[in-house]
């Protein structure tokens, strides 16, 4: 009799994400075991408790998911999981804190697709400006874009020091080439965007980052992307389902197009589902983070 599939969901936050629990169930896992308030020092013991109890047949039906909100902590937890494995009891691990890795991968892949379709351009060497860039989704988006060769700027709405510190931290950790910036008002946003090729809004839900007045001053932007589906949307004029429609209000930027939250969300949903199913179907253990997520998001759009 085949053993039931189990996914153990480690989360450093006070509760596990209902979104992730729903996704894991829909991906086909029989049993979901959520753990909250998990600390880094707990991961080794939890991992070894997970792998040694099921036997050689059971480990292929067992996986770990790491959530939370802290990108660096999630990556550290993934690495501790890997080091805790003892062959032949190795199992697969997937980390996606706050859904940031799959959302960011989907956003960058969608933007890359529209650059190619509408401007015959690659992401490499494009200037990408990310508002809300110091949050989980913004930071993950910046790391992915930078590693793909884009000149990438993380924008904080209050503190230049914070933006620069976040950029330096991720540059050291992932060999990225991020820059930090601050834009507190429309004038500072327009100055920052004067030479931007791509503008992205990954700010808090329900916060409008770029209004029509700012968009009318853009001359170089090719693609704008917004992951906010809660009114008011992050970039005025982008509709939730936009996937390459003309960027409303950007009247001075020839051929500028927008990508909306639901267009990104559709790819994100497919991507997270695909990666969760991979935990169940792979013959060899896999360790999934934003890098694999971006590869697979590209594949979905291809």
Protein backbone atom coordinates (compact mmCIF):
# COMPACT_ATOMS: atom_id res chain seq x y z
CA UNK A 1 0.00 0.00 0.00
CA UNK A 2 1.41 3.36 -1.06
CA UNK A 3 2.14 5.72 1.79
CA UNK A 4 0.20 8.95 1.99
CA UNK A 5 2.02 12.11 0.92
CA UNK A 6 2.94 14.60 3.64
CA UNK A 7 4.22 18.16 3.40
CA UNK A 8 5.67 19.71 6.55
CA UNK A 9 5.26 23.50 6.45
CA UNK A 10 7.85 25.37 8.54
CA UNK A 11 7.07 29.03 9.21
CA UNK A 12 8.88 31.51 11.51
CA UNK A 13 5.73 33.66 11.71
CA UNK A 14 2.96 33.24 14.33
CA UNK A 15 0.79 31.45 11.78
CA UNK A 16 1.16 29.66 8.47
CA UNK A 17 -0.19 31.23 5.30
CA UNK A 18 -3.68 29.98 4.35
CA UNK A 19 -2.71 30.67 0.73
CA UNK A 20 0.19 28.22 0.91
CA UNK A 21 -1.91 25.63 2.70
CA UNK A 22 -4.61 25.86 0.01
CA UNK A 23 -2.00 25.58 -2.73
CA UNK A 24 -0.33 22.53 -1.17
CA UNK A 25 -3.66 20.76 -0.79
CA UNK A 26 -4.64 21.53 -4.40
CA UNK A 27 -1.25 20.27 -5.59
CA UNK A 28 -2.15 16.81 -4.32
CA UNK A 29 -0.62 16.37 -0.87
CA UNK A 30 -2.70 14.12 1.35
CA UNK A 31 -1.56 15.56 4.68
CA UNK A 32 -0.42 19.09 5.55
CA UNK A 33 1.42 19.65 8.82
CA UNK A 34 1.85 23.37 9.62
CA UNK A 35 4.42 24.56 12.17
CA UNK A 36 4.51 28.19 13.36
CA UNK A 37 7.12 30.24 15.26
CA UNK A 38 9.87 28.01 13.87
CA UNK A 39 13.38 29.31 14.56
CA UNK A 40 16.48 28.70 12.48
CA UNK A 41 17.98 26.58 15.25
CA UNK A 42 14.93 24.28 15.09
CA UNK A 43 15.35 23.38 11.41
CA UNK A 44 18.02 20.69 11.68
CA UNK A 45 16.11 18.63 14.25
CA UNK A 46 12.75 19.11 12.52
CA UNK A 47 14.23 18.04 9.20
CA UNK A 48 15.80 14.89 10.59
CA UNK A 49 12.62 14.01 12.47
CA UNK A 50 10.85 14.35 9.12
CA UNK A 51 13.17 12.14 7.06
CA UNK A 52 14.01 9.22 9.34
CA UNK A 53 10.47 8.10 10.14
CA UNK A 54 9.15 7.01 6.74
CA UNK A 55 11.64 4.61 5.19
CA UNK A 56 12.99 4.59 1.65
CA UNK A 57 9.54 4.48 0.03
CA UNK A 58 8.08 7.13 2.29
CA UNK A 59 10.70 9.80 1.69
CA UNK A 60 9.55 10.17 -1.91
CA UNK A 61 6.12 11.03 -0.55
CA UNK A 62 7.47 13.57 1.95
CA UNK A 63 8.47 17.20 1.46
CA UNK A 64 9.19 20.41 3.37
CA UNK A 65 7.85 23.89 2.59
CA UNK A 66 9.44 26.99 4.16
CA UNK A 67 7.38 30.17 4.46
CA UNK A 68 7.65 33.34 6.52
CA UNK A 69 8.38 36.89 5.37
CA UNK A 70 12.17 37.17 5.66
CA UNK A 71 13.92 36.25 2.41
CA UNK A 72 17.36 35.74 3.92
CA UNK A 73 15.99 33.65 6.79
CA UNK A 74 14.05 31.49 4.32
CA UNK A 75 17.19 30.85 2.27
CA UNK A 76 19.17 30.06 5.44
CA UNK A 77 16.48 27.61 6.52
CA UNK A 78 16.61 25.95 3.10
CA UNK A 79 20.37 25.57 3.38
CA UNK A 80 20.11 24.07 6.89
CA UNK A 81 17.53 21.60 5.53
CA UNK A 82 19.95 20.54 2.81
CA UNK A 83 22.79 20.04 5.27
CA UNK A 84 20.53 18.01 7.58
CA UNK A 85 19.72 15.42 4.90
CA UNK A 86 21.22 11.95 5.27
CA UNK A 87 21.23 9.73 2.18
CA UNK A 88 19.17 7.74 1.25
CA UNK A 89 16.55 9.65 3.24
CA UNK A 90 16.90 12.95 1.34
CA UNK A 91 13.63 14.75 0.60
CA UNK A 92 12.69 17.83 -1.44
CA UNK A 93 12.38 21.33 0.01
CA UNK A 94 10.62 24.41 -1.41
CA UNK A 95 10.92 27.91 0.06
CA UNK A 96 8.59 30.74 -0.94
CA UNK A 97 8.37 33.33 1.88
CA UNK A 98 5.17 35.38 1.58
CA UNK A 99 4.87 33.96 -1.92
CA UNK A 100 7.61 36.44 -2.77
CA UNK A 101 9.76 34.09 -4.83
CA UNK A 102 6.96 32.83 -7.07
CA UNK A 103 5.33 36.28 -7.38
CA UNK A 104 8.64 37.94 -8.23
CA UNK A 105 9.56 35.21 -10.71
CA UNK A 106 6.18 35.54 -12.42
CA UNK A 107 6.43 39.35 -12.55
CA UNK A 108 9.92 39.41 -14.06
CA UNK A 109 9.06 36.67 -16.57
CA UNK A 110 5.91 38.55 -17.67
CA UNK A 111 7.86 41.78 -18.10
CA UNK A 112 10.60 39.97 -20.01
CA UNK A 113 7.96 38.52 -22.35
CA UNK A 114 6.42 41.94 -23.06
CA UNK A 115 9.83 43.52 -23.67
CA UNK A 116 10.47 40.90 -26.33
CA UNK A 117 7.02 41.08 -27.94
CA UNK A 118 6.62 44.86 -28.08
CA UNK A 119 10.19 46.15 -28.17
CA UNK A 120 12.33 43.25 -29.41
CA UNK A 121 14.41 43.78 -26.28
CA UNK A 122 15.94 41.49 -23.68
CA UNK A 123 15.85 42.12 -19.95
CA UNK A 124 19.63 42.31 -19.91
CA UNK A 125 20.93 45.89 -19.70
CA UNK A 126 17.46 47.39 -19.19
CA UNK A 127 17.10 49.92 -16.37
CA UNK A 128 14.50 48.52 -13.95
CA UNK A 129 13.06 50.68 -11.16
CA UNK A 130 11.10 48.87 -8.44
CA UNK A 131 8.82 50.82 -6.10
CA UNK A 132 8.22 48.98 -2.85
CA UNK A 133 11.60 47.49 -3.61
CA UNK A 134 12.65 46.92 -0.01
CA UNK A 135 9.70 44.61 0.80
CA UNK A 136 9.76 40.84 0.26
CA UNK A 137 8.29 40.80 -3.27
CA UNK A 138 10.19 43.91 -4.35
CA UNK A 139 13.51 42.60 -3.07
CA UNK A 140 13.02 39.19 -4.68
CA UNK A 141 12.02 40.90 -7.93
CA UNK A 142 15.14 43.03 -7.79
CA UNK A 143 17.43 40.07 -7.16
CA UNK A 144 15.94 38.10 -10.07
CA UNK A 145 16.11 41.07 -12.46
CA UNK A 146 19.66 41.92 -11.44
CA UNK A 147 20.89 38.35 -11.86
CA UNK A 148 19.24 38.38 -15.31
CA UNK A 149 21.48 41.32 -16.24
CA UNK A 150 19.21 44.32 -15.66
CA UNK A 151 20.40 47.53 -14.02
CA UNK A 152 18.08 47.36 -11.03
CA UNK A 153 17.08 49.99 -8.47
CA UNK A 154 15.16 49.26 -5.26
CA UNK A 155 13.08 52.27 -4.20
CA UNK A 156 12.05 53.01 -0.62
CA UNK A 157 9.37 55.67 -0.08
CA UNK A 158 10.92 56.98 3.15
CA UNK A 159 14.60 56.19 3.61
CA UNK A 160 17.55 56.22 1.22
CA UNK A 161 19.73 54.64 3.92
CA UNK A 162 17.34 51.70 4.22
CA UNK A 163 17.17 51.20 0.46
CA UNK A 164 20.95 51.25 0.14
CA UNK A 165 21.41 48.87 3.08
CA UNK A 166 18.88 46.40 1.65
CA UNK A 167 20.61 46.56 -1.75
CA UNK A 168 24.05 45.98 -0.20
CA UNK A 169 22.77 43.04 1.87
CA UNK A 170 21.33 41.21 -1.14
CA UNK A 171 24.33 42.08 -3.30
CA UNK A 172 26.62 40.40 -0.78
CA UNK A 173 24.39 37.37 -0.35
CA UNK A 174 23.46 36.68 -3.97
CA UNK A 175 26.21 38.40 -6.00
CA UNK A 176 23.59 40.77 -7.40
CA UNK A 177 24.20 44.36 -8.49
CA UNK A 178 21.33 46.27 -6.91
CA UNK A 179 21.17 49.98 -6.17
CA UNK A 180 19.04 51.74 -3.56
CA UNK A 181 17.03 54.93 -4.02
CA UNK A 182 14.34 56.95 -2.26
CA UNK A 183 11.34 58.73 -3.83
CA UNK A 184 9.07 60.57 -1.40
CA UNK A 185 6.98 62.59 -3.88
CA UNK A 186 6.00 62.86 -7.55
CA UNK A 187 8.95 65.08 -8.44
CA UNK A 188 11.46 62.60 -7.04
CA UNK A 189 9.67 59.74 -8.81
CA UNK A 190 9.79 61.55 -12.16
CA UNK A 191 13.52 62.26 -11.74
CA UNK A 192 14.19 58.62 -10.91
CA UNK A 193 12.12 57.38 -13.87
CA UNK A 194 13.51 59.77 -16.48
CA UNK A 195 15.81 57.09 -17.90
CA UNK A 196 13.93 53.96 -16.79
CA UNK A 197 13.08 51.20 -19.27
CA UNK A 198 10.92 49.17 -16.86
CA UNK A 199 8.95 50.38 -13.86
CA UNK A 200 7.45 47.96 -11.36
CA UNK A 201 5.12 48.47 -8.42
CA UNK A 202 5.48 45.90 -5.64
CA UNK A 203 4.34 48.19 -2.84
CA UNK A 204 1.75 47.44 -0.15
CA UNK A 205 -1.70 46.43 -1.40
CA UNK A 206 -4.11 49.34 -1.81
CA UNK A 207 -1.38 51.98 -2.23
CA UNK A 208 -1.08 53.92 -5.49
CA UNK A 209 2.59 54.47 -6.24
CA UNK A 210 2.46 56.14 -9.66
CA UNK A 211 -0.35 58.45 -10.74
CA UNK A 212 -1.29 59.77 -14.17
CA UNK A 213 0.75 62.97 -13.71
CA UNK A 214 3.94 60.97 -13.21
CA UNK A 215 3.17 58.62 -16.10
CA UNK A 216 2.63 61.54 -18.51
CA UNK A 217 6.22 62.62 -17.91
CA UNK A 218 7.74 59.27 -18.82
CA UNK A 219 9.52 59.16 -22.18
CA UNK A 220 11.66 56.01 -22.17
CA UNK A 221 9.64 53.41 -20.27
CA UNK A 222 8.82 50.27 -22.26
CA UNK A 223 6.96 48.08 -19.76
CA UNK A 224 5.25 48.80 -16.45
CA UNK A 225 4.16 46.01 -14.10
CA UNK A 226 1.93 46.09 -11.02
CA UNK A 227 1.29 43.24 -8.55
CA UNK A 228 -1.33 45.15 -6.52
CA UNK A 229 -4.88 43.88 -7.11
CA UNK A 230 -6.47 45.94 -4.30
CA UNK A 231 -7.91 49.38 -5.20
CA UNK A 232 -6.38 51.82 -5.72
CA UNK A 233 -3.98 49.86 -7.91
CA UNK A 234 -0.27 50.60 -7.69
CA UNK A 235 0.07 52.19 -11.14
CA UNK A 236 -2.84 54.32 -12.32
CA UNK A 237 -4.38 53.13 -15.56
CA UNK A 238 -3.08 49.55 -15.51
CA UNK A 239 -5.99 47.15 -15.36
CA UNK A 240 -5.68 43.92 -13.37
CA UNK A 241 -5.88 41.69 -16.47
CA UNK A 242 -3.57 43.79 -18.68
CA UNK A 243 -0.94 41.68 -20.42
CA UNK A 244 0.75 43.96 -22.91
CA UNK A 245 -2.04 46.53 -23.34
CA UNK A 246 -0.96 50.15 -23.98
CA UNK A 247 0.13 51.91 -20.80
CA UNK A 248 -2.61 54.44 -20.19
CA UNK A 249 -1.42 58.02 -19.46
CA UNK A 250 2.15 57.31 -20.62
CA UNK A 251 1.43 59.34 -23.75
CA UNK A 252 5.05 60.39 -24.30
CA UNK A 253 6.53 56.90 -24.12
CA UNK A 254 6.10 55.26 -27.52
CA UNK A 255 4.92 51.68 -27.33
CA UNK A 256 4.81 51.50 -23.52
CA UNK A 257 2.68 48.60 -22.27
CA UNK A 258 1.38 47.42 -18.92
CA UNK A 259 1.17 44.14 -17.05
CA UNK A 260 -1.53 43.88 -14.38
CA UNK A 261 -1.80 42.00 -11.12
CA UNK A 262 -4.09 39.24 -12.36
CA UNK A 263 -1.90 38.57 -15.40
CA UNK A 264 1.07 38.17 -13.05
CA UNK A 265 -1.08 36.25 -10.56
CA UNK A 266 -2.14 33.71 -13.15
CA UNK A 267 1.50 32.83 -13.86
CA UNK A 268 2.32 32.88 -10.13
CA UNK A 269 -0.52 30.44 -9.41
CA UNK A 270 0.57 28.07 -12.18
CA UNK A 271 4.17 28.35 -11.02
CA UNK A 272 3.55 27.61 -7.35
CA UNK A 273 1.27 24.71 -8.29
CA UNK A 274 3.92 23.30 -10.63
CA UNK A 275 6.69 23.55 -8.03
CA UNK A 276 4.55 21.95 -5.32
CA UNK A 277 3.69 19.09 -7.67
CA UNK A 278 7.37 18.71 -8.49
CA UNK A 279 7.97 17.90 -4.81
CA UNK A 280 5.63 14.93 -5.26
CA UNK A 281 6.84 13.66 -8.63
CA UNK A 282 10.61 14.13 -8.70
CA UNK A 283 12.77 11.01 -8.55
CA UNK A 284 15.67 12.92 -7.01
CA UNK A 285 15.36 15.51 -4.21
CA UNK A 286 15.07 19.11 -5.37
CA UNK A 287 15.69 22.34 -3.47
CA UNK A 288 13.55 25.12 -4.85
CA UNK A 289 14.05 28.87 -4.38
CA UNK A 290 13.69 32.01 -6.54
CA UNK A 291 16.24 30.79 -9.09
CA UNK A 292 14.31 27.65 -9.98
CA UNK A 293 11.06 29.62 -9.74
CA UNK A 294 12.27 32.07 -12.41
CA UNK A 295 13.42 29.27 -14.72
CA UNK A 296 10.01 27.63 -14.43
CA UNK A 297 8.09 30.90 -14.85
CA UNK A 298 9.95 31.46 -18.11
CA UNK A 299 9.05 27.93 -19.16
CA UNK A 300 5.35 28.49 -18.41
CA UNK A 301 5.30 31.61 -20.60
CA UNK A 302 7.36 29.95 -23.32
